[in-house]
C-alpha atoms as a PDB file:
ATOM      1  CA  MET A   1      61.777-164.814 218.453  1.00  0.00           C
ATOM      2  CA  LYS A   2      63.043-161.407 219.508  1.00  0.00           C
ATOM      3  CA  ARG A   3      65.214-159.545 217.005  1.00  0.00           C
ATOM      4  CA  THR A   4      68.738-158.551 218.057  1.00  0.00           C
ATOM      5  CA  PHE A   5      70.009-154.991 218.052  1.00  0.00           C
ATOM      6  CA  ALA A   6      72.446-155.875 215.258  1.00  0.00           C
ATOM      7  CA  GLU A   7      69.524-157.141 213.147  1.00  0.00           C
ATOM      8  CA  LEU A   8      67.622-153.892 213.715  1.00  0.00           C
ATOM      9  CA  ILE A   9      70.668-151.862 212.645  1.00  0.00           C
ATOM     10  CA  HIS A  10      71.008-154.063 209.552  1.00  0.00           C
ATOM     11  CA  GLU A  11      67.320-153.443 208.705  1.00  0.00           C
ATOM     12  CA  LEU A  12      67.866-149.707 209.193  1.00  0.00           C
ATOM     13  CA  GLY A  13      70.757-149.846 206.739  1.00  0.00           C
ATOM     14  CA  GLN A  14      68.503-151.570 204.217  1.00  0.00           C
ATOM     15  CA  GLU A  15      65.820-148.897 204.715  1.00  0.00           C
ATOM     16  CA  LEU A  16      68.429-146.162 204.109  1.00  0.00           C
ATOM     17  CA  ASP A  17      70.154-148.108 201.337  1.00  0.00           C
ATOM     18  CA  ILE A  18      73.529-147.899 203.091  1.00  0.00           C
ATOM     19  CA  GLU A  19      75.658-150.424 204.948  1.00  0.00           C
ATOM     20  CA  LEU A  20      75.480-150.035 208.720  1.00  0.00           C
ATOM     21  CA  GLU A  21      77.262-152.062 211.364  1.00  0.00           C
ATOM     22  CA  LEU A  22      77.983-151.954 215.058  1.00  0.00           C
ATOM     23  CA  ASP A  23      81.455-151.165 216.358  1.00  0.00           C
ATOM     24  CA  HIS A  24      83.266-152.973 219.182  1.00  0.00           C
ATOM     25  CA  LEU A  25      81.212-150.970 221.730  1.00  0.00           C
ATOM     26  CA  ASN A  26      77.925-152.041 220.091  1.00  0.00           C
ATOM     27  CA  VAL A  27      77.353-148.514 218.729  1.00  0.00           C
ATOM     28  CA  CYS A  28      76.430-147.523 215.185  1.00  0.00           C
ATOM     29  CA  SER A  29      77.479-144.077 213.949  1.00  0.00           C
ATOM     30  CA  ILE A  30      75.919-142.422 210.920  1.00  0.00           C
ATOM     31  CA  VAL A  31      77.631-139.389 209.395  1.00  0.00           C
ATOM     32  CA  VAL A  32      75.059-137.125 207.757  1.00  0.00           C
ATOM     33  CA  ASP A  33      75.981-134.637 205.030  1.00  0.00           C
ATOM     34  CA  GLU A  34      79.541-134.638 206.416  1.00  0.00           C
ATOM     35  CA  GLN A  35      78.247-132.284 209.154  1.00  0.00           C
ATOM     36  CA  TYR A  36      76.589-134.357 211.864  1.00  0.00           C
ATOM     37  CA  THR A  37      77.254-137.702 213.452  1.00  0.00           C
ATOM     38  CA  VAL A  38      74.335-139.558 214.970  1.00  0.00           C
ATOM     39  CA  GLN A  39      75.137-142.419 217.299  1.00  0.00           C
ATOM     40  CA  LEU A  40      72.657-145.244 217.812  1.00  0.00           C
ATOM     41  CA  GLU A  41      73.053-147.577 220.764  1.00  0.00           C
ATOM     42  CA  GLN A  42      71.066-149.647 223.228  1.00  0.00           C
ATOM     43  CA  ASP A  43      70.683-148.603 226.821  1.00  0.00           C
ATOM     44  CA  LYS A  44      72.359-150.891 229.342  1.00  0.00           C
ATOM     45  CA  TYR A  45      69.096-152.776 229.978  1.00  0.00           C
ATOM     46  CA  LYS A  46      68.555-153.344 226.237  1.00  0.00           C
ATOM     47  CA  GLU A  47      65.085-151.780 226.416  1.00  0.00           C
ATOM     48  CA  TYR A  48      65.695-148.545 224.520  1.00  0.00           C
ATOM     49  CA  LEU A  49      67.419-147.317 221.401  1.00  0.00           C
ATOM     50  CA  ILE A  50      69.287-144.120 222.196  1.00  0.00           C
ATOM     51  CA  LEU A  51      69.967-141.611 219.418  1.00  0.00           C
ATOM     52  CA  GLY A  52      72.594-138.988 220.174  1.00  0.00           C
ATOM     53  CA  SER A  53      74.303-136.170 218.348  1.00  0.00           C
ATOM     54  CA  ALA A  54      76.447-133.190 219.240  1.00  0.00           C
ATOM     55  CA  VAL A  55      74.827-129.966 218.051  1.00  0.00           C
ATOM     56  CA  LEU A  56      77.836-127.676 218.530  1.00  0.00           C
ATOM     57  CA  ALA A  57      80.367-126.400 221.055  1.00  0.00           C
ATOM     58  CA  ILE A  58      79.438-123.217 222.904  1.00  0.00           C
ATOM     59  CA  SER A  59      82.052-120.995 224.517  1.00  0.00           C
ATOM     60  CA  PRO A  60      81.593-120.000 228.163  1.00  0.00           C
ATOM     61  CA  GLY A  61      79.800-116.726 228.841  1.00  0.00           C
ATOM     62  CA  LYS A  62      76.421-115.024 228.908  1.00  0.00           C
ATOM     63  CA  PHE A  63      75.471-116.269 225.423  1.00  0.00           C
ATOM     64  CA  ARG A  64      75.979-119.894 226.497  1.00  0.00           C
ATOM     65  CA  GLU A  65      73.829-119.258 229.571  1.00  0.00           C
ATOM     66  CA  ASN A  66      71.082-117.900 227.305  1.00  0.00           C
ATOM     67  CA  VAL A  67      71.358-120.886 224.944  1.00  0.00           C
ATOM     68  CA  LEU A  68      71.130-123.355 227.827  1.00  0.00           C
ATOM     69  CA  ALA A  69      68.144-121.518 229.349  1.00  0.00           C
ATOM     70  CA  THR A  70      66.412-121.672 225.958  1.00  0.00           C
ATOM     71  CA  ALA A  71      67.273-125.384 225.702  1.00  0.00           C
ATOM     72  CA  LEU A  72      65.588-126.023 229.051  1.00  0.00           C
ATOM     73  CA  LYS A  73      62.448-124.294 227.756  1.00  0.00           C
ATOM     74  CA  ALA A  74      62.576-126.375 224.562  1.00  0.00           C
ATOM     75  CA  ASN A  75      62.796-129.540 226.669  1.00  0.00           C
ATOM     76  CA  ASP A  76      59.432-128.641 228.206  1.00  0.00           C
ATOM     77  CA  ILE A  77      57.638-128.923 224.841  1.00  0.00           C
ATOM     78  CA  TYR A  78      55.850-132.204 224.219  1.00  0.00           C
ATOM     79  CA  PRO A  79      56.077-134.050 221.967  1.00  0.00           C
ATOM     80  CA  ARG A  80      59.599-133.179 220.907  1.00  0.00           C
ATOM     81  CA  PRO A  81      62.077-134.900 218.593  1.00  0.00           C
ATOM     82  CA  GLY A  82      64.725-135.101 221.294  1.00  0.00           C
ATOM     83  CA  THR A  83      66.044-133.753 224.577  1.00  0.00           C
ATOM     84  CA  LEU A  84      68.771-131.139 224.684  1.00  0.00           C
ATOM     85  CA  ALA A  85      71.603-131.489 227.178  1.00  0.00           C
ATOM     86  CA  TYR A  86      75.012-129.988 227.855  1.00  0.00           C
ATOM     87  CA  ARG A  87      78.239-132.004 227.858  1.00  0.00           C
ATOM     88  CA  VAL A  88      80.598-130.204 230.250  1.00  0.00           C
ATOM     89  CA  ALA A  89      83.769-132.037 229.169  1.00  0.00           C
ATOM     90  CA  SER A  90      83.530-130.696 225.608  1.00  0.00           C
ATOM     91  CA  ASN A  91      81.356-127.586 226.155  1.00  0.00           C
ATOM     92  CA  GLU A  92      78.847-129.049 223.681  1.00  0.00           C
ATOM     93  CA  LEU A  93      75.131-128.781 223.333  1.00  0.00           C
ATOM     94  CA  ILE A  94      73.899-132.286 222.547  1.00  0.00           C
ATOM     95  CA  LEU A  95      70.587-133.808 221.530  1.00  0.00           C
ATOM     96  CA  PHE A  96      69.434-137.284 222.443  1.00  0.00           C
ATOM     97  CA  LYS A  97      66.280-139.357 222.153  1.00  0.00           C
ATOM     98  CA  LYS A  98      65.178-142.685 223.648  1.00  0.00           C
ATOM     99  CA  MET A  99      62.919-145.024 221.684  1.00  0.00           C
ATOM    100  CA  HIS A 100      61.472-148.215 223.163  1.00  0.00           C
ATOM    101  CA  LEU A 101      63.019-151.152 221.279  1.00  0.00           C
ATOM    102  CA  GLU A 102      60.051-153.491 221.592  1.00  0.00           C
ATOM    103  CA  ASP A 103      58.283-153.629 218.207  1.00  0.00           C
ATOM    104  CA  LEU A 104      60.461-150.774 216.872  1.00  0.00           C
ATOM    105  CA  THR A 105      60.865-150.872 213.095  1.00  0.00           C
ATOM    106  CA  ALA A 106      63.547-149.477 210.831  1.00  0.00           C
ATOM    107  CA  LYS A 107      60.911-147.253 209.170  1.00  0.00           C
ATOM    108  CA  GLN A 108      59.988-145.751 212.556  1.00  0.00           C
ATOM    109  CA  ILE A 109      63.652-145.030 213.238  1.00  0.00           C
ATOM    110  CA  VAL A 110      64.024-143.315 209.845  1.00  0.00           C
ATOM    111  CA  ASP A 111      60.991-141.120 210.585  1.00  0.00           C
ATOM    112  CA  GLU A 112      62.319-140.173 214.021  1.00  0.00           C
ATOM    113  CA  LEU A 113      65.857-139.609 212.722  1.00  0.00           C
ATOM    114  CA  SER A 114      64.510-137.144 210.191  1.00  0.00           C
ATOM    115  CA  LEU A 115      62.862-135.040 212.923  1.00  0.00           C
ATOM    116  CA  PHE A 116      65.884-135.486 215.169  1.00  0.00           C
ATOM    117  CA  LEU A 117      68.270-134.201 212.495  1.00  0.00           C
ATOM    118  CA  ASP A 118      65.973-131.282 211.695  1.00  0.00           C
ATOM    119  CA  MET A 119      66.200-130.263 215.351  1.00  0.00           C
ATOM    120  CA  VAL A 120      70.002-130.604 215.387  1.00  0.00           C
ATOM    121  CA  GLU A 121      70.273-128.449 212.266  1.00  0.00           C
ATOM    122  CA  THR A 122      67.763-125.847 213.492  1.00  0.00           C
ATOM    123  CA  TRP A 123      69.606-125.393 216.767  1.00  0.00           C
ATOM    124  CA  LYS A 124      73.056-125.344 215.152  1.00  0.00           C
ATOM    125  CA  LYS A 125      72.052-122.659 212.648  1.00  0.00           C
ATOM    126  CA  ALA A 126      70.301-120.526 215.267  1.00  0.00           C
ATOM    127  CA  VAL A 127      73.158-120.689 217.765  1.00  0.00           C
ATOM    128  CA  ASP A 128      75.771-120.079 215.045  1.00  0.00           C
ATOM    129  CA  SER A 129      73.864-116.977 213.923  1.00  0.00           C
ATOM    130  CA  GLY A 130      73.180-115.787 217.473  1.00  0.00           C
ATOM    131  CA  ASN A 131      69.418-115.935 216.858  1.00  0.00           C
ATOM    132  CA  ILE A 132      68.110-118.098 219.701  1.00  0.00           C
ATOM    133  CA  ALA A 133      64.976-116.114 220.575  1.00  0.00           C
ATOM    134  CA  SER A 134      62.490-118.325 218.716  1.00  0.00           C
ATOM    135  CA  LEU A 135      64.126-121.681 219.463  1.00  0.00           C
ATOM    136  CA  SER A 136      62.107-122.530 222.557  1.00  0.00           C
ATOM    137  CA  THR A 137      59.027-122.951 220.362  1.00  0.00           C
ATOM    138  CA  ALA A 138      60.705-124.380 217.263  1.00  0.00           C
ATOM    139  CA  THR A 139      59.653-128.001 216.891  1.00  0.00           C
ATOM    140  CA  PRO A 140      60.248-129.733 213.558  1.00  0.00           C
ATOM    141  CA  THR A 141      57.239-131.380 211.953  1.00  0.00           C
ATOM    142  CA  LYS A 142      57.054-134.715 210.182  1.00  0.00           C
ATOM    143  CA  LYS A 143      57.745-134.668 206.483  1.00  0.00           C
ATOM    144  CA  GLU A 144      57.805-137.379 203.901  1.00  0.00           C
ATOM    145  CA  THR A 145      61.213-137.939 202.348  1.00  0.00           C
ATOM    146  CA  PRO A 146      62.545-141.147 200.834  1.00  0.00           C
ATOM    147  CA  ASN A 147      65.973-140.623 202.412  1.00  0.00           C
ATOM    148  CA  PRO A 148      66.100-137.890 205.057  1.00  0.00           C
ATOM    149  CA  PHE A 149      69.885-137.969 205.241  1.00  0.00           C
ATOM    150  CA  ASN A 150      70.734-137.281 201.614  1.00  0.00           C
ATOM    151  CA  ILE A 151      73.005-140.305 201.806  1.00  0.00           C
ATOM    152  CA  LYS A 152      74.100-141.559 198.406  1.00  0.00           C
END
């Protein structure tokens, strides 16, 4: 019998040793280190898990153009922990990733979330500091951590 999305989220909570649940929109939000919020949801066809997180807001101007051009270059690297995009309504750089739900395990999600969050943090720090030159080639690597989110 096929596992439900709610069951997968419950298993993820057990893997992270925290309580996770879906809201009324069938979305689970995880706040990490009180800095980042990662949303987990199914696509409308219930085939993929979508991870999403805002990286940071970027003010209009030449610097934002440079950041977005660098993001496009980063999106050309494969494999990558996520895809960068720009949300016009909030002037935010965002990161998202799709994972096929069939046979997906909570452990696999934890591993991918770790890389995903490393990419969010790397981009946030670089853009905040104005140092975006090396970002197009910066791809986090897998590392072994019992709890990548430092969630207590």
